[in-house]
Amino acid sequence: PADAVNPAIAATIAELGLDITDRTPRAVTPDDLAAADIVIAMKPGLSLPAAPAGRFLEWSFPDPTDWSPENVRPLRDAVTARLQEEILTR
């Protein structure tokens, strides 16, 4: 995991009214996977420490590591739309 939340991601999430700047990225644990109803891997083929107990989805989105907030915004909106389409409407 990264040492800190990506500032461009934090800025675009803040536009939605959520402050994630105090969060610290960490590795997913087997307990996390056992407790989750849905696990979404944003990188296909990602190795997990255990099998998810709930529904598992693999989505392919580009890595925004060095992007500006202006470039992250369309990605944020695409992820939001996919969540609404595949998760929230079912």
N, C-alpha and C. Protein backbone atom coordinates (compact mmCIF):
# COMPACT_ATOMS: atom_id res chain seq x y z
N PRO A 1 0.82 -1.20 0.00
CA PRO A 1 0.00 0.00 0.00
C PRO A 1 0.86 1.26 0.00
N ALA A 2 0.28 2.33 -0.48
CA ALA A 2 0.96 3.62 -0.47
C ALA A 2 1.15 4.10 0.97
N ASP A 3 2.04 5.06 1.15
CA ASP A 3 2.29 5.62 2.48
C ASP A 3 1.18 6.56 2.93
N ALA A 4 0.48 7.16 1.95
CA ALA A 4 -0.57 8.14 2.26
C ALA A 4 -1.63 8.10 1.17
N VAL A 5 -2.78 8.67 1.47
CA VAL A 5 -3.85 8.79 0.49
C VAL A 5 -3.39 9.73 -0.62
N ASN A 6 -3.65 9.37 -1.85
CA ASN A 6 -3.32 10.19 -3.01
C ASN A 6 -4.03 11.54 -2.87
N PRO A 7 -3.28 12.66 -2.86
CA PRO A 7 -3.90 13.98 -2.67
C PRO A 7 -4.94 14.33 -3.74
N ALA A 8 -4.72 13.92 -4.97
CA ALA A 8 -5.70 14.21 -6.03
C ALA A 8 -6.99 13.44 -5.80
N ILE A 9 -6.87 12.20 -5.35
CA ILE A 9 -8.06 11.40 -5.03
C ILE A 9 -8.79 12.03 -3.85
N ALA A 10 -8.04 12.39 -2.81
CA ALA A 10 -8.65 13.01 -1.63
C ALA A 10 -9.39 14.29 -2.01
N ALA A 11 -8.81 15.07 -2.90
CA ALA A 11 -9.45 16.33 -3.32
C ALA A 11 -10.76 16.07 -4.05
N THR A 12 -10.80 15.06 -4.92
CA THR A 12 -12.04 14.80 -5.66
C THR A 12 -13.08 14.12 -4.79
N ILE A 13 -12.66 13.35 -3.81
CA ILE A 13 -13.61 12.75 -2.86
C ILE A 13 -14.18 13.84 -1.95
N ALA A 14 -13.35 14.82 -1.59
CA ALA A 14 -13.82 15.95 -0.77
C ALA A 14 -14.92 16.72 -1.49
N GLU A 15 -14.88 16.76 -2.80
CA GLU A 15 -15.94 17.43 -3.57
C GLU A 15 -17.30 16.76 -3.36
N LEU A 16 -17.27 15.52 -2.92
CA LEU A 16 -18.51 14.77 -2.63
C LEU A 16 -18.91 14.91 -1.16
N GLY A 17 -18.12 15.67 -0.41
CA GLY A 17 -18.44 15.89 1.00
C GLY A 17 -17.79 14.91 1.96
N LEU A 18 -16.82 14.15 1.49
CA LEU A 18 -16.14 13.17 2.35
C LEU A 18 -14.67 13.54 2.51
N ASP A 19 -14.19 13.57 3.73
CA ASP A 19 -12.78 13.87 4.00
C ASP A 19 -12.06 12.56 4.30
N ILE A 20 -11.13 12.19 3.42
CA ILE A 20 -10.36 10.95 3.62
C ILE A 20 -8.89 11.24 3.89
N THR A 21 -8.56 12.50 4.14
CA THR A 21 -7.16 12.87 4.32
C THR A 21 -6.54 12.29 5.58
N ASP A 22 -7.36 11.90 6.55
CA ASP A 22 -6.82 11.33 7.78
C ASP A 22 -6.66 9.81 7.69
N ARG A 23 -7.00 9.23 6.57
CA ARG A 23 -6.90 7.78 6.39
C ARG A 23 -5.47 7.37 6.05
N THR A 24 -5.13 6.13 6.37
CA THR A 24 -3.84 5.57 6.03
C THR A 24 -4.07 4.28 5.23
N PRO A 25 -3.54 4.23 4.01
CA PRO A 25 -3.69 2.99 3.24
C PRO A 25 -3.05 1.81 3.99
N ARG A 26 -3.67 0.66 3.85
CA ARG A 26 -3.12 -0.55 4.48
C ARG A 26 -3.47 -1.75 3.62
N ALA A 27 -2.78 -2.83 3.84
CA ALA A 27 -3.04 -4.06 3.11
C ALA A 27 -4.37 -4.67 3.56
N VAL A 28 -5.04 -5.32 2.65
CA VAL A 28 -6.26 -6.04 2.97
C VAL A 28 -5.89 -7.32 3.72
N THR A 29 -6.64 -7.61 4.78
CA THR A 29 -6.35 -8.80 5.59
C THR A 29 -7.40 -9.89 5.32
N PRO A 30 -7.09 -11.13 5.68
CA PRO A 30 -8.09 -12.19 5.58
C PRO A 30 -9.37 -11.85 6.35
N ASP A 31 -9.24 -11.19 7.50
CA ASP A 31 -10.43 -10.79 8.28
C ASP A 31 -11.28 -9.78 7.50
N ASP A 32 -10.63 -8.84 6.80
CA ASP A 32 -11.37 -7.89 5.96
C ASP A 32 -12.18 -8.64 4.91
N LEU A 33 -11.55 -9.61 4.26
CA LEU A 33 -12.20 -10.36 3.19
C LEU A 33 -13.34 -11.24 3.71
N ALA A 34 -13.18 -11.74 4.92
CA ALA A 34 -14.22 -12.57 5.53
C ALA A 34 -15.42 -11.73 5.93
N ALA A 35 -15.20 -10.47 6.29
CA ALA A 35 -16.28 -9.61 6.78
C ALA A 35 -17.02 -8.87 5.67
N ALA A 36 -16.42 -8.77 4.50
CA ALA A 36 -17.00 -7.95 3.43
C ALA A 36 -18.10 -8.68 2.68
N ASP A 37 -19.19 -7.97 2.42
CA ASP A 37 -20.26 -8.51 1.58
C ASP A 37 -19.86 -8.50 0.11
N ILE A 38 -19.11 -7.45 -0.27
CA ILE A 38 -18.65 -7.29 -1.65
C ILE A 38 -17.20 -6.82 -1.61
N VAL A 39 -16.36 -7.44 -2.42
CA VAL A 39 -14.97 -7.02 -2.60
C VAL A 39 -14.80 -6.66 -4.06
N ILE A 40 -14.29 -5.46 -4.30
CA ILE A 40 -14.04 -5.01 -5.67
C ILE A 40 -12.55 -4.79 -5.84
N ALA A 41 -11.93 -5.58 -6.71
CA ALA A 41 -10.51 -5.41 -7.03
C ALA A 41 -10.43 -4.49 -8.25
N MET A 42 -9.73 -3.40 -8.12
CA MET A 42 -9.61 -2.43 -9.21
C MET A 42 -8.50 -2.78 -10.18
N LYS A 43 -7.73 -3.81 -9.85
CA LYS A 43 -6.67 -4.29 -10.72
C LYS A 43 -6.90 -5.79 -10.95
N PRO A 44 -7.33 -6.18 -12.15
CA PRO A 44 -7.54 -7.60 -12.41
C PRO A 44 -6.29 -8.42 -12.12
N GLY A 45 -6.51 -9.60 -11.56
CA GLY A 45 -5.40 -10.49 -11.24
C GLY A 45 -4.71 -10.17 -9.94
N LEU A 46 -5.25 -9.24 -9.18
CA LEU A 46 -4.67 -8.86 -7.90
C LEU A 46 -4.64 -10.06 -6.97
N SER A 47 -3.54 -10.27 -6.31
CA SER A 47 -3.40 -11.39 -5.38
C SER A 47 -3.96 -10.98 -4.01
N LEU A 48 -4.87 -11.77 -3.50
CA LEU A 48 -5.48 -11.51 -2.20
C LEU A 48 -4.96 -12.52 -1.17
N PRO A 49 -4.92 -12.14 0.11
CA PRO A 49 -4.40 -13.05 1.13
C PRO A 49 -5.34 -14.20 1.48
N ALA A 50 -6.57 -14.14 1.02
CA ALA A 50 -7.56 -15.19 1.26
C ALA A 50 -8.70 -14.99 0.26
N ALA A 51 -9.55 -15.97 0.15
CA ALA A 51 -10.71 -15.84 -0.72
C ALA A 51 -11.77 -14.98 -0.04
N PRO A 52 -12.38 -14.06 -0.78
CA PRO A 52 -13.46 -13.26 -0.20
C PRO A 52 -14.65 -14.14 0.16
N ALA A 53 -15.29 -13.86 1.28
CA ALA A 53 -16.47 -14.62 1.69
C ALA A 53 -17.69 -14.19 0.89
N GLY A 54 -17.74 -12.94 0.49
CA GLY A 54 -18.88 -12.41 -0.25
C GLY A 54 -18.63 -12.36 -1.74
N ARG A 55 -19.41 -11.56 -2.37
CA ARG A 55 -19.32 -11.36 -3.82
C ARG A 55 -17.97 -10.72 -4.18
N PHE A 56 -17.35 -11.21 -5.24
CA PHE A 56 -16.05 -10.70 -5.68
C PHE A 56 -16.16 -10.20 -7.11
N LEU A 57 -15.76 -8.94 -7.31
CA LEU A 57 -15.78 -8.33 -8.64
C LEU A 57 -14.40 -7.83 -8.99
N GLU A 58 -14.02 -7.97 -10.25
CA GLU A 58 -12.76 -7.41 -10.74
C GLU A 58 -13.09 -6.36 -11.79
N TRP A 59 -12.70 -5.15 -11.52
CA TRP A 59 -12.90 -4.05 -12.47
C TRP A 59 -11.53 -3.56 -12.91
N SER A 60 -11.46 -3.08 -14.13
CA SER A 60 -10.20 -2.56 -14.64
C SER A 60 -10.31 -1.05 -14.83
N PHE A 61 -9.58 -0.31 -14.01
CA PHE A 61 -9.52 1.14 -14.13
C PHE A 61 -8.04 1.53 -14.14
N PRO A 62 -7.69 2.63 -14.80
CA PRO A 62 -6.29 3.05 -14.81
C PRO A 62 -5.82 3.49 -13.42
N ASP A 63 -4.52 3.41 -13.22
CA ASP A 63 -3.91 3.81 -11.94
C ASP A 63 -3.68 5.33 -11.95
N PRO A 64 -4.34 6.07 -11.05
CA PRO A 64 -4.24 7.53 -11.04
C PRO A 64 -3.11 8.09 -10.18
N THR A 65 -2.08 7.31 -9.94
CA THR A 65 -1.03 7.70 -9.00
C THR A 65 -0.51 9.13 -9.21
N ASP A 66 -0.20 9.50 -10.42
CA ASP A 66 0.40 10.81 -10.67
C ASP A 66 -0.56 11.78 -11.35
N TRP A 67 -1.84 11.57 -11.23
CA TRP A 67 -2.83 12.40 -11.90
C TRP A 67 -3.17 13.64 -11.09
N SER A 68 -3.63 14.66 -11.78
CA SER A 68 -4.15 15.87 -11.12
C SER A 68 -5.63 15.63 -10.78
N PRO A 69 -6.20 16.46 -9.89
CA PRO A 69 -7.63 16.31 -9.60
C PRO A 69 -8.51 16.42 -10.85
N GLU A 70 -8.12 17.26 -11.79
CA GLU A 70 -8.90 17.41 -13.02
C GLU A 70 -8.94 16.10 -13.81
N ASN A 71 -7.85 15.35 -13.76
CA ASN A 71 -7.82 14.07 -14.47
C ASN A 71 -8.47 12.95 -13.67
N VAL A 72 -8.46 13.07 -12.34
CA VAL A 72 -9.06 12.05 -11.48
C VAL A 72 -10.59 12.12 -11.52
N ARG A 73 -11.13 13.33 -11.65
CA ARG A 73 -12.58 13.53 -11.60
C ARG A 73 -13.36 12.57 -12.52
N PRO A 74 -13.00 12.43 -13.81
CA PRO A 74 -13.74 11.49 -14.67
C PRO A 74 -13.63 10.03 -14.19
N LEU A 75 -12.48 9.67 -13.63
CA LEU A 75 -12.31 8.32 -13.08
C LEU A 75 -13.23 8.13 -11.88
N ARG A 76 -13.24 9.10 -10.97
CA ARG A 76 -14.15 9.05 -9.81
C ARG A 76 -15.59 8.86 -10.27
N ASP A 77 -15.98 9.62 -11.27
CA ASP A 77 -17.35 9.55 -11.77
C ASP A 77 -17.64 8.20 -12.44
N ALA A 78 -16.65 7.64 -13.12
CA ALA A 78 -16.83 6.32 -13.76
C ALA A 78 -16.98 5.22 -12.71
N VAL A 79 -16.18 5.30 -11.64
CA VAL A 79 -16.30 4.31 -10.56
C VAL A 79 -17.66 4.45 -9.88
N THR A 80 -18.10 5.68 -9.65
CA THR A 80 -19.40 5.92 -9.03
C THR A 80 -20.52 5.34 -9.90
N ALA A 81 -20.46 5.59 -11.19
CA ALA A 81 -21.48 5.07 -12.10
C ALA A 81 -21.50 3.55 -12.10
N ARG A 82 -20.33 2.94 -12.08
CA ARG A 82 -20.26 1.48 -12.08
C ARG A 82 -20.81 0.92 -10.78
N LEU A 83 -20.51 1.58 -9.66
CA LEU A 83 -21.08 1.14 -8.38
C LEU A 83 -22.60 1.21 -8.41
N GLN A 84 -23.13 2.30 -8.91
CA GLN A 84 -24.58 2.46 -8.98
C GLN A 84 -25.20 1.40 -9.90
N GLU A 85 -24.56 1.15 -11.01
CA GLU A 85 -25.09 0.21 -11.99
C GLU A 85 -25.03 -1.25 -11.51
N GLU A 86 -23.90 -1.65 -10.97
CA GLU A 86 -23.68 -3.06 -10.65
C GLU A 86 -23.95 -3.44 -9.20
N ILE A 87 -23.93 -2.50 -8.31
CA ILE A 87 -24.07 -2.83 -6.89
C ILE A 87 -25.38 -2.28 -6.32
N LEU A 88 -25.56 -1.00 -6.44
CA LEU A 88 -26.67 -0.35 -5.75
C LEU A 88 -28.03 -0.63 -6.37
N THR A 89 -28.08 -1.07 -7.62
CA THR A 89 -29.36 -1.35 -8.25
C THR A 89 -29.75 -2.81 -8.14
N ARG A 90 -28.94 -3.60 -7.50
CA ARG A 90 -29.27 -5.04 -7.38
C ARG A 90 -29.80 -5.37 -6.03
